N, C-alpha and C. Protein backbone atom coordinates (compact mmCIF):
# COMPACT_ATOMS: atom_id res chain seq x y z
N MET A 1 -21.22 0.19 51.49
CA MET A 1 -22.00 -0.06 50.31
C MET A 1 -20.93 0.14 49.17
N HIS A 2 -20.65 -0.85 48.42
CA HIS A 2 -19.74 -1.09 47.35
C HIS A 2 -20.53 -0.57 46.07
N ILE A 3 -20.20 0.49 45.72
CA ILE A 3 -20.44 1.20 44.39
C ILE A 3 -19.49 0.84 43.41
N ASN A 4 -19.86 0.34 42.20
CA ASN A 4 -18.90 -0.13 41.30
C ASN A 4 -17.85 0.94 40.90
N LYS A 5 -16.61 0.66 40.68
CA LYS A 5 -15.40 1.52 40.24
C LYS A 5 -15.23 2.74 41.24
N THR A 6 -15.42 2.46 42.50
CA THR A 6 -15.25 3.29 43.38
C THR A 6 -13.92 2.75 44.54
N GLY A 7 -13.19 1.49 44.12
CA GLY A 7 -12.20 1.16 45.16
C GLY A 7 -12.88 0.06 46.09
N GLY A 8 -14.04 -0.19 45.73
CA GLY A 8 -14.73 -1.16 46.71
C GLY A 8 -14.13 -2.66 46.72
N SER A 9 -13.76 -3.09 45.57
CA SER A 9 -12.90 -4.45 45.48
C SER A 9 -11.70 -4.44 46.54
N SER A 10 -10.87 -3.26 46.34
CA SER A 10 -9.65 -3.08 47.32
C SER A 10 -10.16 -3.16 48.57
N ILE A 11 -11.23 -2.33 48.94
CA ILE A 11 -11.52 -2.39 50.31
C ILE A 11 -12.27 -3.53 50.82
N GLU A 12 -13.05 -4.26 50.11
CA GLU A 12 -13.64 -5.68 50.56
C GLU A 12 -12.48 -6.46 50.83
N LYS A 13 -11.53 -6.56 49.80
CA LYS A 13 -10.23 -7.38 49.99
C LYS A 13 -9.54 -7.12 51.38
N ALA A 14 -9.52 -5.89 51.65
CA ALA A 14 -8.39 -5.42 52.84
C ALA A 14 -9.20 -5.93 54.09
N LEU A 15 -10.63 -5.83 53.92
CA LEU A 15 -11.63 -6.10 55.23
C LEU A 15 -11.73 -7.46 55.28
N GLY A 16 -11.69 -8.40 54.33
CA GLY A 16 -11.92 -9.67 54.29
C GLY A 16 -13.51 -9.94 54.00
N ALA A 17 -14.24 -8.77 53.35
CA ALA A 17 -15.55 -9.02 53.16
C ALA A 17 -15.78 -9.47 51.69
N GLY A 18 -16.94 -10.14 51.41
CA GLY A 18 -17.10 -10.89 50.35
C GLY A 18 -18.01 -9.66 49.29
N LEU A 19 -17.56 -9.97 48.13
CA LEU A 19 -18.09 -8.89 47.17
C LEU A 19 -19.72 -8.75 47.09
N ASP A 20 -20.25 -7.48 47.13
CA ASP A 20 -21.70 -7.38 47.38
C ASP A 20 -21.87 -6.05 46.69
N HIS A 21 -22.46 -6.01 45.56
CA HIS A 21 -22.95 -4.68 44.97
C HIS A 21 -24.59 -4.29 45.43
N SER A 22 -24.85 -4.53 46.50
CA SER A 22 -26.31 -4.19 47.03
C SER A 22 -26.28 -2.72 47.31
N THR A 23 -27.52 -2.24 47.00
CA THR A 23 -27.54 -0.62 47.50
C THR A 23 -27.93 -0.57 48.75
N ALA A 24 -27.76 0.41 49.49
CA ALA A 24 -28.01 0.78 50.87
C ALA A 24 -29.47 0.23 51.18
N LEU A 25 -30.56 0.69 50.31
CA LEU A 25 -31.89 0.21 50.75
C LEU A 25 -32.05 -1.11 50.79
N GLU A 26 -31.43 -1.79 49.69
CA GLU A 26 -31.57 -3.34 49.78
C GLU A 26 -30.72 -4.01 50.96
N LYS A 27 -29.72 -3.42 51.32
CA LYS A 27 -28.96 -4.00 52.35
C LYS A 27 -29.81 -3.72 53.69
N ARG A 28 -30.25 -2.46 53.85
CA ARG A 28 -31.23 -2.32 55.09
C ARG A 28 -32.32 -3.14 55.10
N GLN A 29 -33.05 -3.46 54.01
CA GLN A 29 -33.99 -4.39 53.89
C GLN A 29 -33.66 -5.80 54.22
N GLN A 30 -32.48 -6.16 53.84
CA GLN A 30 -31.90 -7.54 54.03
C GLN A 30 -31.68 -7.63 55.63
N LEU A 31 -30.99 -6.60 56.18
CA LEU A 31 -30.59 -6.73 57.65
C LEU A 31 -31.94 -6.53 58.68
N GLY A 32 -32.66 -5.74 58.14
CA GLY A 32 -33.80 -5.07 59.03
C GLY A 32 -33.40 -3.67 59.52
N ALA A 33 -34.17 -2.98 59.89
CA ALA A 33 -34.03 -1.55 60.27
C ALA A 33 -33.19 -1.21 61.56
N ALA A 34 -33.49 -2.16 62.47
CA ALA A 34 -32.75 -2.20 63.82
C ALA A 34 -31.30 -2.59 63.75
N ALA A 35 -31.00 -3.51 62.89
CA ALA A 35 -29.72 -4.22 62.77
C ALA A 35 -28.99 -2.99 61.82
N TRP A 36 -29.61 -2.51 60.85
CA TRP A 36 -28.75 -1.49 60.21
C TRP A 36 -28.45 -0.36 60.94
N GLN A 37 -29.31 0.23 61.86
CA GLN A 37 -29.10 1.31 62.76
C GLN A 37 -27.77 1.02 63.71
N ARG A 38 -27.51 -0.37 64.12
CA ARG A 38 -26.47 -0.68 64.93
C ARG A 38 -25.06 -0.69 64.19
N LYS A 39 -25.23 -0.75 62.87
CA LYS A 39 -23.77 -0.82 62.25
C LYS A 39 -23.27 0.55 61.70
N PHE A 40 -22.16 0.66 61.37
CA PHE A 40 -21.22 1.70 60.76
C PHE A 40 -21.64 1.52 59.50
N THR A 41 -22.15 2.36 58.63
CA THR A 41 -22.47 2.25 57.31
C THR A 41 -21.59 3.36 56.55
N PHE A 42 -20.84 2.96 55.39
CA PHE A 42 -19.95 3.71 54.78
C PHE A 42 -19.91 3.41 53.16
N THR A 43 -19.35 4.39 52.47
CA THR A 43 -19.25 3.99 51.02
C THR A 43 -18.08 5.07 50.57
N ILE A 44 -17.73 4.76 49.49
CA ILE A 44 -16.82 5.60 48.63
C ILE A 44 -17.54 6.08 47.39
N VAL A 45 -17.33 7.15 47.04
CA VAL A 45 -17.96 7.84 45.72
C VAL A 45 -16.54 8.40 45.01
N ARG A 46 -16.82 8.65 43.73
CA ARG A 46 -15.87 8.91 42.70
C ARG A 46 -16.16 10.07 41.88
N ASN A 47 -15.47 10.90 41.47
CA ASN A 47 -15.82 11.98 40.48
C ASN A 47 -16.39 11.03 39.14
N PRO A 48 -17.73 11.29 38.87
CA PRO A 48 -18.30 10.47 37.77
C PRO A 48 -17.78 10.49 36.60
N TRP A 49 -16.92 11.61 36.23
CA TRP A 49 -16.31 11.35 34.84
C TRP A 49 -15.24 10.45 34.66
N ASP A 50 -14.53 10.54 35.76
CA ASP A 50 -13.37 9.41 36.17
C ASP A 50 -14.02 7.83 36.32
N LYS A 51 -15.18 8.05 36.94
CA LYS A 51 -15.75 6.50 37.16
C LYS A 51 -16.17 6.19 35.86
N VAL A 52 -16.78 6.76 35.00
CA VAL A 52 -17.13 6.25 33.63
C VAL A 52 -16.00 5.89 32.84
N VAL A 53 -14.91 6.55 32.78
CA VAL A 53 -13.83 6.17 32.05
C VAL A 53 -13.33 4.83 32.66
N SER A 54 -13.28 4.86 33.99
CA SER A 54 -12.86 3.53 34.62
C SER A 54 -13.59 2.36 34.30
N HIS A 55 -14.86 2.69 34.23
CA HIS A 55 -16.08 1.70 33.99
C HIS A 55 -15.85 0.87 32.50
N TYR A 56 -15.47 1.88 31.52
CA TYR A 56 -15.27 1.61 30.17
C TYR A 56 -14.12 0.64 30.18
N HIS A 57 -12.97 1.02 30.72
CA HIS A 57 -11.60 0.42 30.49
C HIS A 57 -12.00 -1.02 31.18
N TYR A 58 -12.56 -1.14 32.29
CA TYR A 58 -12.62 -2.38 33.12
C TYR A 58 -13.54 -3.18 32.05
N ARG A 59 -14.41 -2.89 31.47
CA ARG A 59 -15.44 -3.61 30.71
C ARG A 59 -14.56 -4.05 29.40
N VAL A 60 -13.97 -3.40 28.77
CA VAL A 60 -12.94 -3.67 27.77
C VAL A 60 -11.84 -4.52 28.04
N LYS A 61 -11.29 -4.48 29.32
CA LYS A 61 -10.30 -5.49 29.75
C LYS A 61 -10.71 -6.85 30.11
N THR A 62 -12.15 -6.75 30.70
CA THR A 62 -12.65 -8.09 31.17
C THR A 62 -13.65 -8.70 29.87
N ASN A 63 -13.73 -8.00 28.77
CA ASN A 63 -14.41 -8.22 27.70
C ASN A 63 -15.96 -8.57 28.05
N GLN A 64 -16.42 -7.70 28.99
CA GLN A 64 -17.93 -7.53 29.39
C GLN A 64 -18.48 -7.11 27.95
N THR A 65 -19.66 -7.65 27.74
CA THR A 65 -20.55 -7.10 26.58
C THR A 65 -19.69 -7.34 25.26
N GLY A 66 -18.55 -8.11 25.31
CA GLY A 66 -17.74 -8.27 24.19
C GLY A 66 -16.90 -7.16 23.57
N LEU A 67 -16.75 -6.12 24.63
CA LEU A 67 -16.02 -5.08 24.47
C LEU A 67 -14.68 -5.13 24.10
N GLY A 68 -14.04 -6.33 24.69
CA GLY A 68 -12.70 -6.63 24.51
C GLY A 68 -12.39 -7.31 23.17
N GLU A 69 -13.23 -8.08 22.75
CA GLU A 69 -13.09 -8.60 21.21
C GLU A 69 -13.55 -7.77 20.19
N GLN A 70 -14.68 -6.93 20.45
CA GLN A 70 -15.17 -5.99 19.48
C GLN A 70 -15.29 -4.62 20.02
N PRO A 71 -14.19 -4.07 20.35
CA PRO A 71 -14.28 -2.70 20.95
C PRO A 71 -15.04 -1.65 20.30
N ILE A 72 -15.60 -0.58 20.92
CA ILE A 72 -16.15 0.68 20.43
C ILE A 72 -15.23 1.68 21.16
N ASP A 73 -15.27 2.84 20.44
CA ASP A 73 -14.49 3.99 21.30
C ASP A 73 -15.46 4.63 22.45
N PHE A 74 -14.61 5.26 23.16
CA PHE A 74 -15.29 5.56 24.46
C PHE A 74 -16.47 6.37 24.20
N SER A 75 -16.39 7.50 23.28
CA SER A 75 -17.64 8.23 22.96
C SER A 75 -18.84 7.57 22.61
N GLU A 76 -18.66 6.55 21.63
CA GLU A 76 -19.61 5.67 21.29
C GLU A 76 -20.44 5.08 22.57
N TRP A 77 -19.42 4.44 23.14
CA TRP A 77 -19.93 3.68 24.37
C TRP A 77 -20.74 4.51 25.37
N VAL A 78 -20.29 5.76 25.67
CA VAL A 78 -20.97 6.52 26.53
C VAL A 78 -22.30 6.81 25.91
N TYR A 79 -22.44 7.16 24.61
CA TYR A 79 -23.73 7.53 23.89
C TYR A 79 -24.53 6.48 24.07
N ARG A 80 -24.17 5.11 23.67
CA ARG A 80 -24.92 3.83 23.54
C ARG A 80 -25.43 3.61 24.92
N CYS A 81 -24.64 3.75 26.12
CA CYS A 81 -25.06 3.26 27.25
C CYS A 81 -25.87 4.43 28.11
N TYR A 82 -25.68 5.67 28.12
CA TYR A 82 -26.18 6.84 28.89
C TYR A 82 -27.23 7.52 28.13
N VAL A 83 -27.34 7.56 26.87
CA VAL A 83 -28.41 8.05 26.11
C VAL A 83 -29.39 7.00 25.48
N GLU A 84 -28.81 6.07 24.67
CA GLU A 84 -29.69 5.02 23.98
C GLU A 84 -30.11 4.02 25.15
N ARG A 85 -29.12 3.88 26.08
CA ARG A 85 -29.47 2.43 27.00
C ARG A 85 -29.58 1.31 26.18
N ASP A 86 -28.49 1.07 25.10
CA ASP A 86 -28.59 0.02 24.36
C ASP A 86 -28.31 -1.34 25.01
N PRO A 87 -29.13 -2.27 25.12
CA PRO A 87 -28.89 -3.43 25.85
C PRO A 87 -27.71 -4.19 25.59
N THR A 88 -27.02 -3.94 24.38
CA THR A 88 -25.91 -4.73 24.00
C THR A 88 -24.75 -4.33 25.16
N TYR A 89 -24.79 -3.04 25.49
CA TYR A 89 -23.73 -2.52 26.42
C TYR A 89 -24.34 -2.13 27.86
N TYR A 90 -25.52 -1.70 27.88
CA TYR A 90 -26.18 -1.38 29.08
C TYR A 90 -26.80 -2.37 29.60
N ASP A 91 -25.88 -3.54 30.06
CA ASP A 91 -26.57 -4.93 30.46
C ASP A 91 -26.93 -5.06 31.76
N GLN A 92 -26.27 -4.14 32.73
CA GLN A 92 -26.63 -4.39 34.12
C GLN A 92 -26.76 -2.64 34.51
N PRO A 93 -28.04 -2.46 34.60
CA PRO A 93 -28.54 -0.88 34.68
C PRO A 93 -27.88 -0.49 36.24
N ARG A 94 -27.91 -1.25 37.24
CA ARG A 94 -27.44 -0.79 38.40
C ARG A 94 -25.94 -0.27 38.47
N MET A 95 -25.15 -0.82 37.38
CA MET A 95 -23.70 -0.43 37.31
C MET A 95 -23.57 0.97 36.64
N PHE A 96 -24.71 1.63 36.08
CA PHE A 96 -24.61 2.83 35.22
C PHE A 96 -25.53 3.79 35.92
N MET A 97 -26.22 3.54 37.18
CA MET A 97 -26.90 4.48 37.93
C MET A 97 -26.17 5.61 38.82
N SER A 98 -26.54 6.65 39.13
CA SER A 98 -25.76 7.57 39.77
C SER A 98 -25.54 6.90 41.13
N GLN A 99 -24.49 7.55 41.50
CA GLN A 99 -23.81 7.06 43.06
C GLN A 99 -24.88 7.42 44.22
N ARG A 100 -25.57 8.44 44.13
CA ARG A 100 -26.51 8.77 44.95
C ARG A 100 -27.63 7.63 44.87
N GLN A 101 -28.05 7.22 43.95
CA GLN A 101 -28.89 6.34 43.77
C GLN A 101 -28.72 5.02 44.68
N TRP A 102 -27.26 4.70 44.80
CA TRP A 102 -27.01 3.61 45.68
C TRP A 102 -27.09 3.86 47.19
N LEU A 103 -27.37 4.83 47.34
CA LEU A 103 -27.02 5.19 48.69
C LEU A 103 -28.33 5.86 49.57
N VAL A 104 -29.45 5.92 48.92
CA VAL A 104 -30.71 6.64 49.55
C VAL A 104 -31.87 5.67 49.78
N ASP A 105 -32.84 6.30 50.53
CA ASP A 105 -33.98 5.47 50.60
C ASP A 105 -35.11 5.84 49.77
N GLU A 106 -36.51 5.34 49.86
CA GLU A 106 -37.48 5.65 48.87
C GLU A 106 -37.91 7.30 48.99
N SER A 107 -37.37 8.03 50.08
CA SER A 107 -37.58 9.46 50.19
C SER A 107 -36.33 10.23 49.94
N ASP A 108 -35.27 9.56 49.16
CA ASP A 108 -34.28 10.25 48.73
C ASP A 108 -33.28 10.66 49.85
N GLN A 109 -33.47 9.90 51.13
CA GLN A 109 -32.65 10.40 52.14
C GLN A 109 -31.51 9.37 52.13
N LEU A 110 -30.31 10.15 52.46
CA LEU A 110 -29.00 9.31 52.54
C LEU A 110 -29.03 8.31 53.55
N LEU A 111 -28.68 6.90 53.33
CA LEU A 111 -28.67 6.02 54.30
C LEU A 111 -27.33 5.78 54.85
N VAL A 112 -26.34 6.19 54.31
CA VAL A 112 -25.05 5.74 54.95
C VAL A 112 -24.36 6.86 55.90
N GLU A 113 -23.65 6.51 56.94
CA GLU A 113 -23.11 7.39 57.79
C GLU A 113 -21.94 8.30 57.20
N PHE A 114 -21.10 7.56 56.58
CA PHE A 114 -19.74 8.26 56.08
C PHE A 114 -19.79 7.98 54.51
N VAL A 115 -19.51 9.00 53.77
CA VAL A 115 -19.35 8.98 52.26
C VAL A 115 -17.70 9.48 52.26
N GLY A 116 -17.06 8.54 51.90
CA GLY A 116 -15.55 8.95 51.57
C GLY A 116 -15.28 9.14 50.11
N ARG A 117 -14.19 9.49 49.80
CA ARG A 117 -13.84 9.80 48.24
C ARG A 117 -12.86 9.14 47.66
N PHE A 118 -13.11 8.57 46.58
CA PHE A 118 -12.11 7.82 45.74
C PHE A 118 -10.67 8.59 45.72
N GLU A 119 -10.93 10.06 45.59
CA GLU A 119 -9.79 10.92 45.26
C GLU A 119 -8.89 10.85 46.66
N ASN A 120 -9.48 10.47 47.78
CA ASN A 120 -8.72 10.44 49.13
C ASN A 120 -8.79 9.13 49.81
N LEU A 121 -8.75 7.99 48.91
CA LEU A 121 -9.20 6.59 49.20
C LEU A 121 -8.25 6.20 50.53
N GLN A 122 -6.98 6.46 50.38
CA GLN A 122 -6.00 5.98 51.55
C GLN A 122 -6.46 6.67 52.77
N GLU A 123 -6.65 7.90 52.79
CA GLU A 123 -7.06 8.76 54.13
C GLU A 123 -8.49 8.30 54.66
N ASP A 124 -9.42 8.19 53.63
CA ASP A 124 -10.65 7.78 54.10
C ASP A 124 -10.73 6.34 54.51
N PHE A 125 -9.99 5.45 53.75
CA PHE A 125 -9.92 4.18 54.30
C PHE A 125 -9.25 3.93 55.79
N ALA A 126 -8.38 4.86 55.92
CA ALA A 126 -7.91 4.90 57.49
C ALA A 126 -8.93 5.22 58.39
N ARG A 127 -9.76 6.34 58.00
CA ARG A 127 -10.73 6.81 58.85
C ARG A 127 -11.92 5.61 59.11
N ILE A 128 -12.23 4.91 58.10
CA ILE A 128 -13.09 3.87 58.10
C ILE A 128 -12.28 2.73 59.11
N CYS A 129 -11.25 2.52 58.96
CA CYS A 129 -10.54 1.51 59.87
C CYS A 129 -10.54 1.77 61.31
N GLU A 130 -10.44 3.08 61.56
CA GLU A 130 -10.35 3.63 62.95
C GLU A 130 -11.54 3.32 63.45
N ARG A 131 -12.61 3.75 62.78
CA ARG A 131 -14.09 3.81 63.19
C ARG A 131 -14.51 2.39 63.56
N ILE A 132 -14.23 1.46 62.79
CA ILE A 132 -14.74 0.05 63.14
C ILE A 132 -13.57 -0.73 63.87
N ASN A 133 -12.50 -0.15 64.32
CA ASN A 133 -11.47 -0.59 65.12
C ASN A 133 -10.90 -1.86 64.39
N VAL A 134 -10.35 -1.57 63.23
CA VAL A 134 -9.55 -2.78 62.52
C VAL A 134 -8.43 -2.20 61.88
N LYS A 135 -7.40 -2.97 61.82
CA LYS A 135 -6.00 -2.61 61.29
C LYS A 135 -6.01 -3.20 59.96
N ALA A 136 -6.05 -2.68 58.93
CA ALA A 136 -6.08 -3.20 57.56
C ALA A 136 -5.17 -2.41 56.77
N ARG A 137 -4.49 -3.11 55.59
CA ARG A 137 -3.83 -2.33 54.56
C ARG A 137 -4.55 -2.45 53.35
N LEU A 138 -4.79 -1.16 52.68
CA LEU A 138 -5.62 -1.21 51.47
C LEU A 138 -4.49 -1.41 50.39
N GLY A 139 -4.79 -2.44 49.53
CA GLY A 139 -4.18 -2.64 48.24
C GLY A 139 -4.72 -2.13 47.15
N HIS A 140 -4.60 -2.53 46.00
CA HIS A 140 -5.13 -2.05 44.79
C HIS A 140 -5.63 -3.28 43.86
N ALA A 141 -6.83 -3.72 44.00
CA ALA A 141 -7.25 -4.97 43.61
C ALA A 141 -7.39 -4.79 42.04
N LYS A 142 -7.61 -3.83 41.40
CA LYS A 142 -8.01 -3.67 40.11
C LYS A 142 -7.24 -2.48 39.37
N PRO A 143 -5.94 -2.63 39.40
CA PRO A 143 -5.23 -1.24 39.02
C PRO A 143 -5.36 -1.06 37.23
N SER A 144 -5.20 0.13 37.04
CA SER A 144 -5.46 0.46 35.59
C SER A 144 -4.13 1.42 35.24
N GLY A 145 -3.88 1.22 33.88
CA GLY A 145 -2.54 2.00 33.52
C GLY A 145 -3.07 3.18 32.65
N ARG A 146 -4.32 3.53 32.65
CA ARG A 146 -4.78 4.68 31.81
C ARG A 146 -4.30 6.01 32.14
N GLY A 147 -4.71 6.94 31.33
CA GLY A 147 -4.30 8.41 31.54
C GLY A 147 -5.37 9.12 32.46
N GLY A 148 -5.21 10.45 32.50
CA GLY A 148 -6.36 11.14 33.14
C GLY A 148 -7.66 11.10 32.37
N TYR A 149 -8.83 11.24 33.17
CA TYR A 149 -10.01 11.20 32.54
C TYR A 149 -10.30 12.29 31.53
N ARG A 150 -9.97 13.34 31.78
CA ARG A 150 -10.39 14.55 31.05
C ARG A 150 -10.00 14.27 29.52
N ASP A 151 -9.01 13.66 29.39
CA ASP A 151 -8.59 13.19 27.87
C ASP A 151 -9.41 12.57 27.01
N TYR A 152 -10.31 11.93 27.79
CA TYR A 152 -11.46 11.00 27.00
C TYR A 152 -12.53 11.85 26.50
N TYR A 153 -12.76 12.90 27.14
CA TYR A 153 -14.03 13.60 26.83
C TYR A 153 -14.00 14.55 25.80
N ASP A 154 -15.25 14.70 25.12
CA ASP A 154 -15.45 16.00 24.21
C ASP A 154 -16.57 16.54 24.77
N ALA A 155 -17.02 17.73 24.24
CA ALA A 155 -18.26 18.59 24.82
C ALA A 155 -19.44 17.59 25.10
N GLN A 156 -19.82 16.81 23.97
CA GLN A 156 -21.01 15.89 24.06
C GLN A 156 -21.10 14.97 25.15
N THR A 157 -19.85 14.14 25.37
CA THR A 157 -19.77 13.05 26.17
C THR A 157 -19.79 13.77 27.70
N ARG A 158 -19.04 14.71 27.73
CA ARG A 158 -18.84 15.48 29.10
C ARG A 158 -20.44 15.88 29.42
N ASP A 159 -21.15 16.37 28.72
CA ASP A 159 -22.72 16.68 28.90
C ASP A 159 -23.56 15.52 29.28
N ILE A 160 -23.31 14.28 28.50
CA ILE A 160 -23.94 13.27 28.79
C ILE A 160 -23.72 12.66 30.15
N VAL A 161 -22.51 12.70 30.64
CA VAL A 161 -22.06 12.20 31.82
C VAL A 161 -22.61 13.21 33.07
N ALA A 162 -22.48 14.47 32.80
CA ALA A 162 -23.07 15.48 33.75
C ALA A 162 -24.53 15.23 34.15
N GLU A 163 -25.48 14.95 32.91
CA GLU A 163 -26.79 14.82 32.86
C GLU A 163 -27.09 13.39 33.74
N ALA A 164 -26.37 12.31 33.37
CA ALA A 164 -26.48 11.17 34.12
C ALA A 164 -26.15 11.21 35.44
N PHE A 165 -25.19 11.84 36.07
CA PHE A 165 -25.02 11.85 37.28
C PHE A 165 -25.14 13.10 37.88
N ALA A 166 -26.10 13.83 37.57
CA ALA A 166 -26.44 15.26 38.09
C ALA A 166 -26.70 15.20 39.62
N ALA A 167 -27.23 14.07 40.22
CA ALA A 167 -27.44 13.94 41.64
C ALA A 167 -26.22 13.90 42.26
N ASP A 168 -25.12 13.28 41.58
CA ASP A 168 -23.78 13.01 42.40
C ASP A 168 -23.18 14.49 42.26
N LEU A 169 -23.27 15.01 41.15
CA LEU A 169 -22.61 16.42 40.95
C LEU A 169 -23.21 17.42 42.21
N GLU A 170 -24.23 17.42 42.52
CA GLU A 170 -24.98 18.18 43.45
C GLU A 170 -24.60 17.77 44.78
N SER A 171 -24.82 16.51 45.13
CA SER A 171 -24.67 15.79 46.49
C SER A 171 -23.29 15.68 46.74
N PHE A 172 -22.32 15.52 46.06
CA PHE A 172 -20.87 15.31 46.38
C PHE A 172 -20.05 16.50 45.68
N ASP A 173 -20.45 17.56 45.24
CA ASP A 173 -19.79 18.67 44.85
C ASP A 173 -18.75 18.29 43.78
N TYR A 174 -19.06 17.42 42.83
CA TYR A 174 -18.00 17.18 41.80
C TYR A 174 -18.07 18.08 40.81
N SER A 175 -17.00 18.33 40.01
CA SER A 175 -17.12 18.95 38.67
C SER A 175 -15.99 18.56 37.70
N PHE A 176 -16.27 18.74 36.43
CA PHE A 176 -15.23 18.10 35.35
C PHE A 176 -14.00 18.65 35.75
């Protein structure tokens, strides 16, 4: 499952797969439960605070919602997206939802077999390749030259992201 801003584009490129931002539940429904059970299902998750900074920078770089031409600062963007849900910026709700939401069924049960981490992307990608018996080299499809994520946050934005991604903090044991 390709959760946005978790290295999915690089993985899809390395494996020759097409871009697909379906949730695990949507994919299981598309394939059918029997076909889903036969597949090795995996995803990569990322520290939510790092993911949000990456999401912001990608939207500025690609001028999504006009952020490249008329940028607002990171703190304002976080507030407008995650508190106000301002449709000017909060235009694709799935791209802002918790990573756990991408991966669970109607009963909140995890649907994927393997959850790798962006922070260990090379090692976890190697485990995925070994499991699916594929030789592939992982590149970096959408590199960024920004600094560390902690530098972007103040107490308010740190708390906003903690609340928005509370399920990820608990499920995947992330902290600021």
